[in-house]
Amino acid sequence: MSYHPQASVLQAYAQGALDDVSAFTIATHIETCPECRRQVTLFEQQCGEELLNSDIGVDDDFDSMFDQIVALEQNSDPFRAPRMPTFVEVNGKSFRLPLSLSRFRDCIGEWRSYGGKVYSAAIDISPNARVNLMYIAENVTIPQHTHKGTESTLVLHGGFSDEDGHYGVGDFLYKDASVKHSPFTKQGEDCLCLTVLTQPMIFTQGVARVFNLFGKGMYP
């Protein structure tokens, strides 16, 4: 695992300052990344220390607040049931998803196939971004493209490469409009990723540019 979110993003996650989709993506990454999980723990400790050292005004009506708390209805089921593993099947293969995705199992749509080589399944969890599971079969090259907004990619299984390097399980990538890349898989290598796009991607080479005519870009 060689590619991680920036420290500022991890700090924002610990502070609860990220939007829901970004926080979900980071949570999925740190589930399998001990290095980033350790950084988040340190940031959370810093937040706790800052809270302890801050001046907090005392509510004079403490007794009333306490009465309201003890009057709350008790939860008859205080313990959350453990999350069960979620599996997806695509291209004749079965993949176990991270536990962070288990609560969204009913939000995963049908797989769409692009030439029997690239498959995508939308995860309906946000109106502000396009969240997808994307599977790329072995020995496949996706045409070069850039992004109108930003693209976050988390490798869940296998791996892929582009002009900047090779990415394996757990690697987290962040691309914006300043980047053009052409992801590809090698012979004997396939890949399952979680992708988040805030805007459509724009193809920059070859016949694939015809897709730009439909809505000025394309979502996978």
Protein backbone atom coordinates (compact mmCIF):
# COMPACT_ATOMS: atom_id res chain seq x y z
CA MET A 1 0.00 0.00 0.00
CA SER A 2 1.77 3.11 -1.26
CA TYR A 3 -0.87 5.80 -1.87
CA HIS A 4 -2.79 7.42 0.98
CA PRO A 5 -5.05 10.43 1.64
CA GLN A 6 -3.26 13.64 2.54
CA ALA A 7 -2.75 14.30 6.25
CA SER A 8 -5.06 17.33 6.03
CA VAL A 9 -7.86 15.07 4.77
CA LEU A 10 -7.31 12.59 7.59
CA GLN A 11 -7.35 15.45 10.09
CA ALA A 12 -10.62 16.76 8.65
CA TYR A 13 -12.04 13.25 8.91
CA ALA A 14 -11.07 13.04 12.60
CA GLN A 15 -12.64 16.45 13.19
CA GLY A 16 -15.87 15.42 11.47
CA ALA A 17 -15.39 18.17 8.89
CA LEU A 18 -15.68 16.05 5.71
CA ASP A 19 -18.86 15.63 3.70
CA ASP A 20 -20.62 12.28 4.07
CA VAL A 21 -19.29 10.70 0.87
CA SER A 22 -15.69 11.75 1.48
CA ALA A 23 -15.89 10.53 5.07
CA PHE A 24 -17.30 7.21 3.88
CA THR A 25 -14.44 6.81 1.38
CA ILE A 26 -11.80 7.60 4.00
CA ALA A 27 -13.45 5.22 6.47
CA THR A 28 -13.26 2.46 3.85
CA HIS A 29 -9.56 3.17 3.28
CA ILE A 30 -8.55 3.21 6.96
CA GLU A 31 -10.41 -0.07 7.49
CA THR A 32 -7.47 -1.80 5.77
CA CYS A 33 -4.70 0.79 6.29
CA PRO A 34 -3.07 0.66 9.74
CA GLU A 35 -0.84 3.66 8.94
CA CYS A 36 -3.76 6.02 8.23
CA ARG A 37 -5.82 4.52 11.04
CA ARG A 38 -2.98 5.36 13.43
CA GLN A 39 -2.83 8.95 12.13
CA VAL A 40 -6.58 9.36 12.54
CA THR A 41 -6.33 8.09 16.13
CA LEU A 42 -3.65 10.71 16.87
CA PHE A 43 -5.77 13.47 15.32
CA GLU A 44 -8.75 12.33 17.40
CA GLN A 45 -6.62 12.46 20.54
CA GLN A 46 -5.56 16.01 19.65
CA CYS A 47 -9.20 16.99 19.21
CA GLY A 48 -9.98 15.53 22.63
CA GLU A 49 -7.12 17.40 24.27
CA GLU A 50 -8.17 20.67 22.64
CA LEU A 51 -11.71 20.14 23.90
CA LEU A 52 -10.51 19.47 27.45
CA ASN A 53 -8.33 22.58 27.41
CA SER A 54 -10.96 24.86 25.93
CA ASP A 55 -13.08 27.23 28.00
CA ILE A 56 -16.62 25.90 28.08
CA GLY A 57 -19.33 27.98 29.65
CA VAL A 58 -21.29 26.28 32.43
CA ASP A 59 -25.04 26.15 32.00
CA ASP A 60 -26.69 27.51 35.15
CA ASP A 61 -29.71 25.33 34.46
CA PHE A 62 -27.72 22.10 34.94
CA ASP A 63 -30.40 20.47 37.08
CA SER A 64 -33.02 20.96 34.38
CA MET A 65 -30.68 19.54 31.72
CA PHE A 66 -29.94 16.51 33.92
CA ASP A 67 -33.66 15.89 34.44
CA GLN A 68 -34.20 15.92 30.67
CA ILE A 69 -31.42 13.38 30.16
CA VAL A 70 -32.69 10.90 32.74
CA ALA A 71 -36.22 11.28 31.37
CA LEU A 72 -35.18 10.07 27.91
CA GLU A 73 -36.71 6.79 26.83
CA GLN A 74 -34.27 3.93 27.29
CA ASN A 75 -33.11 2.02 24.24
CA SER A 76 -34.28 -1.55 24.57
CA ASP A 77 -31.60 -2.66 22.10
CA PRO A 78 -28.49 -0.64 23.04
CA PHE A 79 -25.98 -2.85 21.26
CA ARG A 80 -25.56 -2.65 17.50
CA ALA A 81 -25.56 -6.01 15.77
CA PRO A 82 -22.21 -6.84 14.15
CA ARG A 83 -22.03 -6.10 10.46
CA MET A 84 -22.17 -9.11 8.21
CA PRO A 85 -19.84 -9.41 5.20
CA THR A 86 -21.21 -8.29 1.85
CA PHE A 87 -20.23 -10.01 -1.38
CA VAL A 88 -20.69 -8.91 -5.00
CA GLU A 89 -20.44 -11.05 -8.11
CA VAL A 90 -19.16 -9.70 -11.40
CA ASN A 91 -17.59 -11.28 -14.47
CA GLY A 92 -18.01 -14.73 -12.94
CA LYS A 93 -16.09 -13.81 -9.77
CA SER A 94 -17.15 -13.13 -6.18
CA PHE A 95 -15.60 -10.34 -4.10
CA ARG A 96 -15.97 -9.55 -0.41
CA LEU A 97 -16.52 -5.85 0.21
CA PRO A 98 -15.17 -3.81 3.14
CA LEU A 99 -17.43 -3.74 6.19
CA SER A 100 -18.02 -0.01 5.69
CA LEU A 101 -20.01 -0.96 2.58
CA SER A 102 -22.16 -3.54 4.37
CA ARG A 103 -24.81 -1.04 5.47
CA PHE A 104 -25.19 0.07 1.84
CA ARG A 105 -25.70 -3.42 0.42
CA ASP A 106 -29.29 -2.54 -0.58
CA CYS A 107 -28.09 0.60 -2.35
CA ILE A 108 -25.83 -1.21 -4.83
CA GLY A 109 -27.40 -1.22 -8.29
CA GLU A 110 -27.15 -3.66 -11.18
CA TRP A 111 -23.85 -4.15 -12.95
CA ARG A 112 -23.48 -2.45 -16.33
CA SER A 113 -21.02 -3.90 -18.82
CA TYR A 114 -18.89 -1.94 -21.26
CA GLY A 115 -17.76 -4.41 -23.91
CA GLY A 116 -17.52 -7.22 -21.37
CA LYS A 117 -14.26 -5.73 -20.08
CA VAL A 118 -15.29 -2.92 -17.74
CA TYR A 119 -18.26 -3.16 -15.37
CA SER A 120 -19.78 -0.62 -13.02
CA ALA A 121 -22.49 -0.70 -10.35
CA ALA A 122 -23.78 2.55 -8.87
CA ILE A 123 -24.11 2.90 -5.10
CA ASP A 124 -27.02 5.23 -4.38
CA ILE A 125 -25.85 7.02 -1.25
CA SER A 126 -25.53 10.68 -2.25
CA PRO A 127 -27.16 13.20 -4.62
CA ASN A 128 -23.94 15.23 -4.73
CA ALA A 129 -21.52 12.65 -6.16
CA ARG A 130 -21.54 9.53 -8.32
CA VAL A 131 -20.35 6.59 -6.22
CA ASN A 132 -19.57 3.38 -8.10
CA LEU A 133 -18.05 -0.02 -7.78
CA MET A 134 -15.92 -0.49 -10.89
CA TYR A 135 -14.47 -3.76 -12.12
CA ILE A 136 -11.78 -3.83 -14.84
CA ALA A 137 -10.93 -7.18 -16.40
CA GLU A 138 -7.35 -8.20 -17.14
CA ASN A 139 -5.36 -6.66 -19.98
CA VAL A 140 -7.71 -3.69 -20.45
CA THR A 141 -6.86 -0.04 -21.13
CA ILE A 142 -9.37 2.72 -20.40
CA PRO A 143 -9.05 5.65 -22.85
CA GLN A 144 -7.22 8.70 -21.57
CA HIS A 145 -9.47 11.11 -19.71
CA THR A 146 -9.55 13.96 -17.24
CA HIS A 147 -12.27 15.10 -14.84
CA LYS A 148 -14.59 18.12 -14.73
CA GLY A 149 -14.56 17.81 -10.96
CA THR A 150 -12.62 15.37 -8.79
CA GLU A 151 -12.27 11.61 -8.74
CA SER A 152 -11.39 9.57 -5.65
CA THR A 153 -10.48 5.93 -6.22
CA LEU A 154 -9.89 3.22 -3.64
CA VAL A 155 -8.54 -0.15 -4.81
CA LEU A 156 -10.49 -2.98 -3.18
CA HIS A 157 -9.07 -6.02 -5.00
CA GLY A 158 -6.32 -6.62 -7.54
CA GLY A 159 -4.62 -3.59 -9.03
CA PHE A 160 -4.16 -1.28 -12.02
CA SER A 161 -1.66 1.21 -13.38
CA ASP A 162 -1.58 4.55 -15.16
CA GLU A 163 1.07 7.02 -16.28
CA ASP A 164 1.99 7.80 -12.66
CA GLY A 165 2.48 4.30 -11.26
CA HIS A 166 0.89 1.07 -10.11
CA TYR A 167 -1.85 0.86 -7.49
CA GLY A 168 -2.68 -2.15 -5.31
CA VAL A 169 -5.19 -3.10 -2.66
CA GLY A 170 -5.87 -0.27 -0.21
CA ASP A 171 -4.27 2.46 -2.32
CA PHE A 172 -6.19 5.74 -2.38
CA LEU A 173 -5.98 8.08 -5.39
CA TYR A 174 -7.27 11.61 -5.81
CA LYS A 175 -7.42 13.14 -9.30
CA ASP A 176 -8.70 16.50 -10.50
CA ALA A 177 -8.95 18.47 -13.74
CA SER A 178 -5.18 19.02 -13.81
CA VAL A 179 -4.58 15.28 -14.40
CA LYS A 180 -4.94 13.26 -17.58
CA HIS A 181 -4.52 9.52 -17.23
CA SER A 182 -5.26 6.22 -18.92
CA PRO A 183 -5.77 3.42 -16.35
CA PHE A 184 -4.90 -0.11 -17.46
CA THR A 185 -4.64 -3.63 -16.10
CA LYS A 186 -1.92 -6.07 -17.05
CA GLN A 187 -2.19 -9.62 -18.32
CA GLY A 188 -3.40 -11.83 -15.48
CA GLU A 189 -4.42 -8.81 -13.37
CA ASP A 190 -7.94 -7.51 -12.79
CA CYS A 191 -9.20 -4.83 -10.44
CA LEU A 192 -12.20 -3.88 -8.32
CA CYS A 193 -12.35 -0.26 -7.17
CA LEU A 194 -14.60 2.12 -5.31
CA THR A 195 -14.83 5.40 -7.25
CA VAL A 196 -16.36 8.75 -6.36
CA LEU A 197 -16.88 11.38 -9.08
CA THR A 198 -18.18 14.87 -8.33
CA GLN A 199 -18.52 15.64 -12.07
CA PRO A 200 -18.38 13.57 -15.30
CA MET A 201 -15.06 12.49 -16.75
CA ILE A 202 -13.94 13.95 -20.10
CA PHE A 203 -12.18 11.75 -22.67
CA THR A 204 -9.16 13.46 -24.20
CA GLN A 205 -7.96 11.04 -26.90
CA GLY A 206 -9.30 8.78 -29.64
CA VAL A 207 -12.82 7.85 -30.64
CA ALA A 208 -13.91 7.77 -26.99
CA ARG A 209 -14.22 11.55 -27.22
CA VAL A 210 -17.59 11.04 -28.90
CA PHE A 211 -19.00 10.30 -25.42
CA ASN A 212 -18.21 13.90 -24.46
CA LEU A 213 -21.04 14.98 -26.77
CA PHE A 214 -23.61 13.44 -24.43
CA GLY A 215 -23.94 15.75 -21.49
CA LYS A 216 -20.42 17.16 -21.95
CA GLY A 217 -18.82 14.18 -20.34
CA MET A 218 -19.57 10.69 -19.08
CA TYR A 219 -20.03 8.89 -15.81
CA PRO A 220 -18.95 5.23 -15.64
